[in-house]
Amino acid sequence: MQVFEVKRNSLRLRRDEVLHKEKHLEASLINFDKFLQENDAKCSRSITKAEKERQAGLQKEAEAQRLSRRCRSLDGRRRSLQLAVERSALYGRFLEQVLKTLEEVRALVGRFETLLVTRTQLSEREGQARTLLDGHRGSQQRELDRQNCLLMHHNNRLSQLQTELDLSRADRLGWESRWTHIQNTAAKETLLLGQIKTGTLNLFQLAGGVLGGDQGVEVDATETQLDRVRGTTSGSCSAGSASWGSEVNCSPAFPSDPDLHSEADGHYE
């Protein structure tokens, strides 16, 4: 009987201990639930803040990439225009001499000066873009270290910039084609001027003109040679009219240069 009483007391103590542990466990569970709720709230706020920072970083990186590619595009176009100007420097000096007598070439040089103004404007725009790029370069470098894995999202923007670059290159080819046309036109005008001078010299020699010396005419004095030829033809007409007392054909008696006439006709057409 005493053994039974001892066991019952032992069981009662164990039951009390179990009840105490259950209450303690329930309190622990309640505290743990509160902790989880607070932790979830903190995590939610942290995720929201991180997402906002990530979106801001993406926007800054996209803007920096766009400005960087735009700057490279403008720099490439500037170098192309600079090379075109350097290649054209010699022809520019040559055109300055031809422009003294050819008004059409003067108009073409005016177009070339317009291109120089355009080049200056492009240089100013490049300086503005470079200044803006320098202002974003510091923040760009910090964002690039953390956002390199997101570059695949900007392929569409890169394609658009590549299209703009292709259009710029096509524009440059168009300007180069126009400059080639300027060169060809200047060469044709120079050739025509040389043929005119050669034809005038031939007419002067056929009319009995003398080259060089005190009484002669310089080879390059084309206007003087034309005046001498006019004087010779006028004198011949006057003498013929006085001798025969009748109408005399006052056209030049010396032959003309068919090549000269064909080149001149082609020019004025």
C-alpha atoms as a PDB file:
ATOM      1  CA  MET A   1       0.000   0.000   0.000  1.00  0.00           C
ATOM      2  CA  GLN A   2       2.833   2.378   0.805  1.00  0.00           C
ATOM      3  CA  VAL A   3       4.502   1.493  -2.504  1.00  0.00           C
ATOM      4  CA  PHE A   4       1.325   2.359  -4.332  1.00  0.00           C
ATOM      5  CA  GLU A   5       1.136   5.663  -2.478  1.00  0.00           C
ATOM      6  CA  VAL A   6       4.729   6.469  -3.372  1.00  0.00           C
ATOM      7  CA  LYS A   7       4.131   5.697  -7.025  1.00  0.00           C
ATOM      8  CA  ARG A   8       0.996   7.818  -7.040  1.00  0.00           C
ATOM      9  CA  ASN A   9       2.881  10.739  -5.537  1.00  0.00           C
ATOM     10  CA  SER A  10       5.647  10.214  -8.077  1.00  0.00           C
ATOM     11  CA  LEU A  11       3.161  10.211 -10.907  1.00  0.00           C
ATOM     12  CA  ARG A  12       1.498  13.345  -9.542  1.00  0.00           C
ATOM     13  CA  LEU A  13       4.867  15.119  -9.462  1.00  0.00           C
ATOM     14  CA  ARG A  14       5.656  14.064 -12.993  1.00  0.00           C
ATOM     15  CA  ARG A  15       2.232  15.226 -14.138  1.00  0.00           C
ATOM     16  CA  ASP A  16       2.817  18.589 -12.509  1.00  0.00           C
ATOM     17  CA  GLU A  17       6.195  18.851 -14.180  1.00  0.00           C
ATOM     18  CA  VAL A  18       4.669  17.967 -17.535  1.00  0.00           C
ATOM     19  CA  LEU A  19       1.925  20.592 -17.091  1.00  0.00           C
ATOM     20  CA  HIS A  20       4.553  23.183 -16.122  1.00  0.00           C
ATOM     21  CA  LYS A  21       6.636  22.318 -19.177  1.00  0.00           C
ATOM     22  CA  GLU A  22       3.555  22.530 -21.412  1.00  0.00           C
ATOM     23  CA  LYS A  23       2.743  26.021 -20.109  1.00  0.00           C
ATOM     24  CA  HIS A  24       6.352  27.067 -20.596  1.00  0.00           C
ATOM     25  CA  LEU A  25       6.317  25.604 -24.110  1.00  0.00           C
ATOM     26  CA  GLU A  26       3.070  27.425 -24.943  1.00  0.00           C
ATOM     27  CA  ALA A  27       4.586  30.713 -23.766  1.00  0.00           C
ATOM     28  CA  SER A  28       7.691  29.972 -25.843  1.00  0.00           C
ATOM     29  CA  LEU A  29       5.540  29.260 -28.901  1.00  0.00           C
ATOM     30  CA  ILE A  30       3.655  32.524 -28.440  1.00  0.00           C
ATOM     31  CA  ASN A  31       6.933  34.436 -28.145  1.00  0.00           C
ATOM     32  CA  PHE A  32       8.308  32.608 -31.185  1.00  0.00           C
ATOM     33  CA  ASP A  33       5.207  33.506 -33.223  1.00  0.00           C
ATOM     34  CA  LYS A  34       5.656  37.161 -32.254  1.00  0.00           C
ATOM     35  CA  PHE A  35       9.308  36.929 -33.249  1.00  0.00           C
ATOM     36  CA  LEU A  36       8.400  35.394 -36.614  1.00  0.00           C
ATOM     37  CA  GLN A  37       5.825  38.087 -37.269  1.00  0.00           C
ATOM     38  CA  GLU A  38       8.292  40.857 -36.445  1.00  0.00           C
ATOM     39  CA  ASN A  39      10.973  39.166 -38.540  1.00  0.00           C
ATOM     40  CA  ASP A  40       8.584  38.834 -41.496  1.00  0.00           C
ATOM     41  CA  ALA A  41       7.713  42.527 -41.215  1.00  0.00           C
ATOM     42  CA  LYS A  42      11.403  43.450 -41.160  1.00  0.00           C
ATOM     43  CA  CYS A  43      12.126  41.189 -44.123  1.00  0.00           C
ATOM     44  CA  SER A  44       9.239  42.709 -46.075  1.00  0.00           C
ATOM     45  CA  ARG A  45      10.503  46.228 -45.425  1.00  0.00           C
ATOM     46  CA  SER A  46      14.059  45.185 -46.348  1.00  0.00           C
ATOM     47  CA  ILE A  47      12.888  43.546 -49.576  1.00  0.00           C
ATOM     48  CA  THR A  48      10.842  46.625 -50.510  1.00  0.00           C
ATOM     49  CA  LYS A  49      13.798  48.910 -49.852  1.00  0.00           C
ATOM     50  CA  ALA A  50      16.189  46.644 -51.782  1.00  0.00           C
ATOM     51  CA  GLU A  51      13.772  46.502 -54.734  1.00  0.00           C
ATOM     52  CA  LYS A  52      13.524  50.303 -54.838  1.00  0.00           C
ATOM     53  CA  GLU A  53      17.318  50.591 -54.722  1.00  0.00           C
ATOM     54  CA  ARG A  54      17.662  47.979 -57.459  1.00  0.00           C
ATOM     55  CA  GLN A  55      15.177  49.769 -59.712  1.00  0.00           C
ATOM     56  CA  ALA A  56      16.990  53.077 -59.156  1.00  0.00           C
ATOM     57  CA  GLY A  57      20.289  51.388 -59.956  1.00  0.00           C
ATOM     58  CA  LEU A  58      18.875  49.901 -63.160  1.00  0.00           C
ATOM     59  CA  GLN A  59      17.599  53.286 -64.287  1.00  0.00           C
ATOM     60  CA  LYS A  60      20.948  54.955 -63.611  1.00  0.00           C
ATOM     61  CA  GLU A  61      22.841  52.194 -65.383  1.00  0.00           C
ATOM     62  CA  ALA A  62      20.522  52.350 -68.407  1.00  0.00           C
ATOM     63  CA  GLU A  63      20.996  56.108 -68.636  1.00  0.00           C
ATOM     64  CA  ALA A  64      24.755  55.771 -68.278  1.00  0.00           C
ATOM     65  CA  GLN A  65      24.892  53.068 -70.967  1.00  0.00           C
ATOM     66  CA  ARG A  66      22.795  55.184 -73.329  1.00  0.00           C
ATOM     67  CA  LEU A  67      24.974  58.248 -72.820  1.00  0.00           C
ATOM     68  CA  SER A  68      28.157  56.199 -73.184  1.00  0.00           C
ATOM     69  CA  ARG A  69      27.076  54.658 -76.475  1.00  0.00           C
ATOM     70  CA  ARG A  70      25.787  57.969 -77.759  1.00  0.00           C
ATOM     71  CA  CYS A  71      29.140  59.564 -76.918  1.00  0.00           C
ATOM     72  CA  ARG A  72      31.031  56.816 -78.740  1.00  0.00           C
ATOM     73  CA  SER A  73      28.772  57.249 -81.758  1.00  0.00           C
ATOM     74  CA  LEU A  74      29.356  61.006 -81.846  1.00  0.00           C
ATOM     75  CA  ASP A  75      33.089  60.503 -81.322  1.00  0.00           C
ATOM     76  CA  GLY A  76      33.276  58.104 -84.262  1.00  0.00           C
ATOM     77  CA  ARG A  77      31.380  60.522 -86.463  1.00  0.00           C
ATOM     78  CA  ARG A  78      33.644  63.378 -85.338  1.00  0.00           C
ATOM     79  CA  ARG A  79      36.769  61.374 -86.235  1.00  0.00           C
ATOM     80  CA  SER A  80      35.299  60.524 -89.637  1.00  0.00           C
ATOM     81  CA  LEU A  81      34.508  64.157 -90.371  1.00  0.00           C
ATOM     82  CA  GLN A  82      37.967  65.183 -89.120  1.00  0.00           C
ATOM     83  CA  LEU A  83      39.644  62.698 -91.480  1.00  0.00           C
ATOM     84  CA  ALA A  84      37.485  63.971 -94.356  1.00  0.00           C
ATOM     85  CA  VAL A  85      38.511  67.567 -93.588  1.00  0.00           C
ATOM     86  CA  GLU A  86      42.209  66.617 -93.407  1.00  0.00           C
ATOM     87  CA  ARG A  87      42.004  64.767 -96.724  1.00  0.00           C
ATOM     88  CA  SER A  88      40.229  67.726 -98.294  1.00  0.00           C
ATOM     89  CA  ALA A  89      42.674  70.423 -97.133  1.00  0.00           C
ATOM     90  CA  LEU A  90      44.812  70.192-100.298  1.00  0.00           C
ATOM     91  CA  TYR A  91      41.771  70.378-102.556  1.00  0.00           C
ATOM     92  CA  GLY A  92      40.504  73.357-100.614  1.00  0.00           C
ATOM     93  CA  ARG A  93      43.619  75.376-101.519  1.00  0.00           C
ATOM     94  CA  PHE A  94      43.286  74.271-105.120  1.00  0.00           C
ATOM     95  CA  LEU A  95      39.642  75.345-105.221  1.00  0.00           C
ATOM     96  CA  GLU A  96      40.525  78.814-103.906  1.00  0.00           C
ATOM     97  CA  GLN A  97      42.439  79.469-107.162  1.00  0.00           C
ATOM     98  CA  VAL A  98      39.710  78.079-109.398  1.00  0.00           C
ATOM     99  CA  LEU A  99      37.001  80.106-107.633  1.00  0.00           C
ATOM    100  CA  LYS A 100      38.447  83.365-109.049  1.00  0.00           C
ATOM    101  CA  THR A 101      36.869  82.582-112.436  1.00  0.00           C
ATOM    102  CA  LEU A 102      34.183  79.940-111.779  1.00  0.00           C
ATOM    103  CA  GLU A 103      31.049  80.999-109.899  1.00  0.00           C
ATOM    104  CA  GLU A 104      29.629  77.488-109.831  1.00  0.00           C
ATOM    105  CA  VAL A 105      32.600  76.152-107.897  1.00  0.00           C
ATOM    106  CA  ARG A 106      32.246  79.082-105.467  1.00  0.00           C
ATOM    107  CA  ALA A 107      28.749  77.820-104.653  1.00  0.00           C
ATOM    108  CA  LEU A 108      30.172  74.357-103.989  1.00  0.00           C
ATOM    109  CA  VAL A 109      32.747  75.817-101.614  1.00  0.00           C
ATOM    110  CA  GLY A 110      29.903  77.567 -99.814  1.00  0.00           C
ATOM    111  CA  ARG A 111      28.392  74.153 -99.306  1.00  0.00           C
ATOM    112  CA  PHE A 112      31.717  72.936 -97.939  1.00  0.00           C
ATOM    113  CA  GLU A 113      31.763  75.821 -95.454  1.00  0.00           C
ATOM    114  CA  THR A 114      28.294  74.727 -94.344  1.00  0.00           C
ATOM    115  CA  LEU A 115      29.754  71.304 -93.624  1.00  0.00           C
ATOM    116  CA  LEU A 116      32.454  72.921 -91.492  1.00  0.00           C
ATOM    117  CA  VAL A 117      29.780  74.753 -89.496  1.00  0.00           C
ATOM    118  CA  THR A 118      27.959  71.450 -89.046  1.00  0.00           C
ATOM    119  CA  ARG A 119      31.179  69.874 -87.827  1.00  0.00           C
ATOM    120  CA  THR A 120      31.601  72.682 -85.274  1.00  0.00           C
ATOM    121  CA  GLN A 121      28.056  72.175 -84.026  1.00  0.00           C
ATOM    122  CA  LEU A 122      28.656  68.442 -83.701  1.00  0.00           C
ATOM    123  CA  SER A 123      31.835  69.138 -81.734  1.00  0.00           C
ATOM    124  CA  GLU A 124      29.881  71.376 -79.338  1.00  0.00           C
ATOM    125  CA  ARG A 125      27.215  68.701 -78.901  1.00  0.00           C
ATOM    126  CA  GLU A 126      29.936  66.163 -78.239  1.00  0.00           C
ATOM    127  CA  GLY A 127      31.416  68.398 -75.532  1.00  0.00           C
ATOM    128  CA  GLN A 128      28.016  68.727 -73.864  1.00  0.00           C
ATOM    129  CA  ALA A 129      27.477  64.978 -73.987  1.00  0.00           C
ATOM    130  CA  ARG A 130      30.961  64.352 -72.589  1.00  0.00           C
ATOM    131  CA  THR A 131      30.326  66.784 -69.707  1.00  0.00           C
ATOM    132  CA  LEU A 132      27.065  65.043 -68.889  1.00  0.00           C
ATOM    133  CA  LEU A 133      28.800  61.680 -69.079  1.00  0.00           C
ATOM    134  CA  ASP A 134      31.532  62.802 -66.656  1.00  0.00           C
ATOM    135  CA  GLY A 135      28.841  63.842 -64.195  1.00  0.00           C
ATOM    136  CA  HIS A 136      27.325  60.348 -64.224  1.00  0.00           C
ATOM    137  CA  ARG A 137      30.577  58.393 -64.367  1.00  0.00           C
ATOM    138  CA  GLY A 138      31.114  58.204 -60.604  1.00  0.00           C
ATOM    139  CA  SER A 139      27.676  56.758 -59.824  1.00  0.00           C
ATOM    140  CA  GLN A 140      27.869  54.580 -62.911  1.00  0.00           C
ATOM    141  CA  GLN A 141      31.016  52.805 -61.723  1.00  0.00           C
ATOM    142  CA  ARG A 142      29.461  51.897 -58.365  1.00  0.00           C
ATOM    143  CA  GLU A 143      26.319  50.569 -59.994  1.00  0.00           C
ATOM    144  CA  LEU A 144      28.180  48.607 -62.661  1.00  0.00           C
ATOM    145  CA  ASP A 145      29.986  46.527 -60.004  1.00  0.00           C
ATOM    146  CA  ARG A 146      26.664  45.225 -58.651  1.00  0.00           C
ATOM    147  CA  GLN A 147      24.550  45.128 -61.785  1.00  0.00           C
ATOM    148  CA  ASN A 148      26.746  43.353 -64.359  1.00  0.00           C
ATOM    149  CA  CYS A 149      24.502  40.305 -64.213  1.00  0.00           C
ATOM    150  CA  LEU A 150      21.545  42.385 -65.485  1.00  0.00           C
ATOM    151  CA  LEU A 151      23.123  43.531 -68.766  1.00  0.00           C
ATOM    152  CA  MET A 152      21.053  41.070 -70.791  1.00  0.00           C
ATOM    153  CA  HIS A 153      17.986  43.227 -70.147  1.00  0.00           C
ATOM    154  CA  HIS A 154      19.470  46.073 -72.217  1.00  0.00           C
ATOM    155  CA  ASN A 155      19.881  44.231 -75.533  1.00  0.00           C
ATOM    156  CA  ASN A 156      16.917  46.050 -77.059  1.00  0.00           C
ATOM    157  CA  ARG A 157      18.428  49.428 -76.240  1.00  0.00           C
ATOM    158  CA  LEU A 158      21.746  48.341 -77.719  1.00  0.00           C
ATOM    159  CA  SER A 159      19.981  47.348 -80.941  1.00  0.00           C
ATOM    160  CA  GLN A 160      18.375  50.794 -81.212  1.00  0.00           C
ATOM    161  CA  LEU A 161      21.713  52.520 -80.702  1.00  0.00           C
ATOM    162  CA  GLN A 162      23.277  50.263 -83.339  1.00  0.00           C
ATOM    163  CA  THR A 163      20.556  51.370 -85.770  1.00  0.00           C
ATOM    164  CA  GLU A 164      21.381  55.030 -85.026  1.00  0.00           C
ATOM    165  CA  LEU A 165      25.069  54.265 -85.626  1.00  0.00           C
ATOM    166  CA  ASP A 166      24.259  52.679 -89.013  1.00  0.00           C
ATOM    167  CA  LEU A 167      22.214  55.745 -89.966  1.00  0.00           C
ATOM    168  CA  SER A 168      25.125  57.996 -88.971  1.00  0.00           C
ATOM    169  CA  ARG A 169      27.507  55.948 -91.112  1.00  0.00           C
ATOM    170  CA  ALA A 170      25.114  56.140 -94.070  1.00  0.00           C
ATOM    171  CA  ASP A 171      24.948  59.918 -93.596  1.00  0.00           C
ATOM    172  CA  ARG A 172      28.745  60.091 -93.573  1.00  0.00           C
ATOM    173  CA  LEU A 173      28.919  58.099 -96.833  1.00  0.00           C
ATOM    174  CA  GLY A 174      26.462  60.561 -98.391  1.00  0.00           C
ATOM    175  CA  TRP A 175      28.678  63.527 -97.453  1.00  0.00           C
ATOM    176  CA  GLU A 176      31.742  61.730 -98.836  1.00  0.00           C
ATOM    177  CA  SER A 177      29.875  61.121-102.113  1.00  0.00           C
ATOM    178  CA  ARG A 178      29.046  64.833-102.346  1.00  0.00           C
ATOM    179  CA  TRP A 179      32.660  65.789-101.723  1.00  0.00           C
ATOM    180  CA  THR A 180      33.740  63.401-104.515  1.00  0.00           C
ATOM    181  CA  HIS A 181      31.261  65.175-106.805  1.00  0.00           C
ATOM    182  CA  ILE A 182      32.861  68.503-105.832  1.00  0.00           C
ATOM    183  CA  GLN A 183      36.300  67.179-106.738  1.00  0.00           C
ATOM    184  CA  ASN A 184      35.118  65.806-110.097  1.00  0.00           C
ATOM    185  CA  THR A 185      33.353  69.071-110.983  1.00  0.00           C
ATOM    186  CA  ALA A 186      36.455  71.116-110.110  1.00  0.00           C
ATOM    187  CA  ALA A 187      38.645  68.829-112.250  1.00  0.00           C
ATOM    188  CA  LYS A 188      36.266  69.186-115.236  1.00  0.00           C
ATOM    189  CA  GLU A 189      36.182  72.987-114.880  1.00  0.00           C
ATOM    190  CA  THR A 190      39.976  73.120-114.680  1.00  0.00           C
ATOM    191  CA  LEU A 191      40.282  70.932-117.787  1.00  0.00           C
ATOM    192  CA  LEU A 192      37.825  73.164-119.656  1.00  0.00           C
ATOM    193  CA  LEU A 193      39.757  76.296-118.618  1.00  0.00           C
ATOM    194  CA  GLY A 194      43.002  74.732-119.878  1.00  0.00           C
ATOM    195  CA  GLN A 195      41.355  73.856-123.218  1.00  0.00           C
ATOM    196  CA  ILE A 196      40.050  77.411-123.581  1.00  0.00           C
ATOM    197  CA  LYS A 197      43.528  78.833-122.947  1.00  0.00           C
ATOM    198  CA  THR A 198      45.043  76.352-125.457  1.00  0.00           C
ATOM    199  CA  GLY A 199      42.431  77.241-128.099  1.00  0.00           C
ATOM    200  CA  THR A 200      43.038  80.960-127.562  1.00  0.00           C
ATOM    201  CA  LEU A 201      46.783  80.477-127.924  1.00  0.00           C
ATOM    202  CA  ASN A 202      46.269  78.563-131.191  1.00  0.00           C
ATOM    203  CA  LEU A 203      44.010  81.327-132.562  1.00  0.00           C
ATOM    204  CA  PHE A 204      46.571  83.941-131.532  1.00  0.00           C
ATOM    205  CA  GLN A 205      49.397  82.109-133.309  1.00  0.00           C
ATOM    206  CA  LEU A 206      47.291  81.504-136.438  1.00  0.00           C
ATOM    207  CA  ALA A 207      46.508  85.226-136.517  1.00  0.00           C
ATOM    208  CA  GLY A 208      50.249  85.962-136.620  1.00  0.00           C
ATOM    209  CA  GLY A 209      50.711  86.795-132.970  1.00  0.00           C
ATOM    210  CA  VAL A 210      54.172  86.748-131.406  1.00  0.00           C
ATOM    211  CA  LEU A 211      54.905  85.147-128.050  1.00  0.00           C
ATOM    212  CA  GLY A 212      57.536  86.554-125.663  1.00  0.00           C
ATOM    213  CA  GLY A 213      59.950  89.421-126.205  1.00  0.00           C
ATOM    214  CA  ASP A 214      59.300  93.123-125.944  1.00  0.00           C
ATOM    215  CA  GLN A 215      56.619  93.179-128.668  1.00  0.00           C
ATOM    216  CA  GLY A 216      55.228  89.746-127.941  1.00  0.00           C
ATOM    217  CA  VAL A 217      52.596  88.484-125.507  1.00  0.00           C
ATOM    218  CA  GLU A 218      53.127  86.152-122.568  1.00  0.00           C
ATOM    219  CA  VAL A 219      51.868  82.595-122.954  1.00  0.00           C
ATOM    220  CA  ASP A 220      49.550  82.882-119.907  1.00  0.00           C
ATOM    221  CA  ALA A 221      48.072  86.264-120.947  1.00  0.00           C
ATOM    222  CA  THR A 222      44.891  84.778-122.407  1.00  0.00           C
ATOM    223  CA  GLU A 223      42.837  87.993-122.310  1.00  0.00           C
ATOM    224  CA  THR A 224      45.578  89.948-124.089  1.00  0.00           C
ATOM    225  CA  GLN A 225      45.773  87.250-126.789  1.00  0.00           C
ATOM    226  CA  LEU A 226      41.992  87.477-127.306  1.00  0.00           C
ATOM    227  CA  ASP A 227      42.230  91.268-127.645  1.00  0.00           C
ATOM    228  CA  ARG A 228      44.999  90.890-130.265  1.00  0.00           C
ATOM    229  CA  VAL A 229      42.913  88.359-132.222  1.00  0.00           C
ATOM    230  CA  ARG A 230      39.877  90.692-132.140  1.00  0.00           C
ATOM    231  CA  GLY A 231      42.054  93.564-133.317  1.00  0.00           C
ATOM    232  CA  THR A 232      43.461  91.503-136.179  1.00  0.00           C
ATOM    233  CA  THR A 233      40.044  90.367-137.400  1.00  0.00           C
ATOM    234  CA  SER A 234      38.633  93.921-137.142  1.00  0.00           C
ATOM    235  CA  GLY A 235      41.585  95.324-139.111  1.00  0.00           C
ATOM    236  CA  SER A 236      41.190  92.723-141.828  1.00  0.00           C
ATOM    237  CA  CYS A 237      37.496  93.511-142.214  1.00  0.00           C
ATOM    238  CA  SER A 238      38.148  97.268-142.460  1.00  0.00           C
ATOM    239  CA  ALA A 239      40.873  96.841-145.092  1.00  0.00           C
ATOM    240  CA  GLY A 240      38.755  94.541-147.238  1.00  0.00           C
ATOM    241  CA  SER A 241      35.795  96.903-147.179  1.00  0.00           C
ATOM    242  CA  ALA A 242      37.925  99.897-148.218  1.00  0.00           C
ATOM    243  CA  SER A 243      39.594  98.037-151.118  1.00  0.00           C
ATOM    244  CA  TRP A 244      36.546  96.452-152.740  1.00  0.00           C
ATOM    245  CA  GLY A 245      33.804  98.842-151.692  1.00  0.00           C
ATOM    246  CA  SER A 246      31.459  95.962-150.954  1.00  0.00           C
ATOM    247  CA  GLU A 247      30.278  93.826-148.033  1.00  0.00           C
ATOM    248  CA  VAL A 248      33.029  91.651-146.625  1.00  0.00           C
ATOM    249  CA  ASN A 249      32.574  88.672-144.333  1.00  0.00           C
ATOM    250  CA  CYS A 250      34.304  89.680-141.073  1.00  0.00           C
ATOM    251  CA  SER A 251      34.310  86.215-139.540  1.00  0.00           C
ATOM    252  CA  PRO A 252      37.762  84.962-138.449  1.00  0.00           C
ATOM    253  CA  ALA A 253      39.597  83.366-141.378  1.00  0.00           C
ATOM    254  CA  PHE A 254      41.553  80.966-139.222  1.00  0.00           C
ATOM    255  CA  PRO A 255      40.130  77.534-138.287  1.00  0.00           C
ATOM    256  CA  SER A 256      38.564  76.855-134.910  1.00  0.00           C
ATOM    257  CA  ASP A 257      39.388  74.048-132.522  1.00  0.00           C
ATOM    258  CA  PRO A 258      36.564  71.428-132.749  1.00  0.00           C
ATOM    259  CA  ASP A 259      37.573  69.886-129.420  1.00  0.00           C
ATOM    260  CA  LEU A 260      37.357  73.275-127.732  1.00  0.00           C
ATOM    261  CA  HIS A 261      33.844  73.913-129.116  1.00  0.00           C
ATOM    262  CA  SER A 262      32.621  70.470-128.163  1.00  0.00           C
ATOM    263  CA  GLU A 263      33.939  70.883-124.570  1.00  0.00           C
ATOM    264  CA  ALA A 264      32.415  74.374-124.280  1.00  0.00           C
ATOM    265  CA  ASP A 265      29.044  73.226-125.637  1.00  0.00           C
ATOM    266  CA  GLY A 266      29.026  70.341-123.172  1.00  0.00           C
ATOM    267  CA  HIS A 267      29.837  72.735-120.305  1.00  0.00           C
ATOM    268  CA  TYR A 268      27.049  75.214-121.039  1.00  0.00           C
ATOM    269  CA  GLU A 269      24.513  72.472-121.611  1.00  0.00           C
END
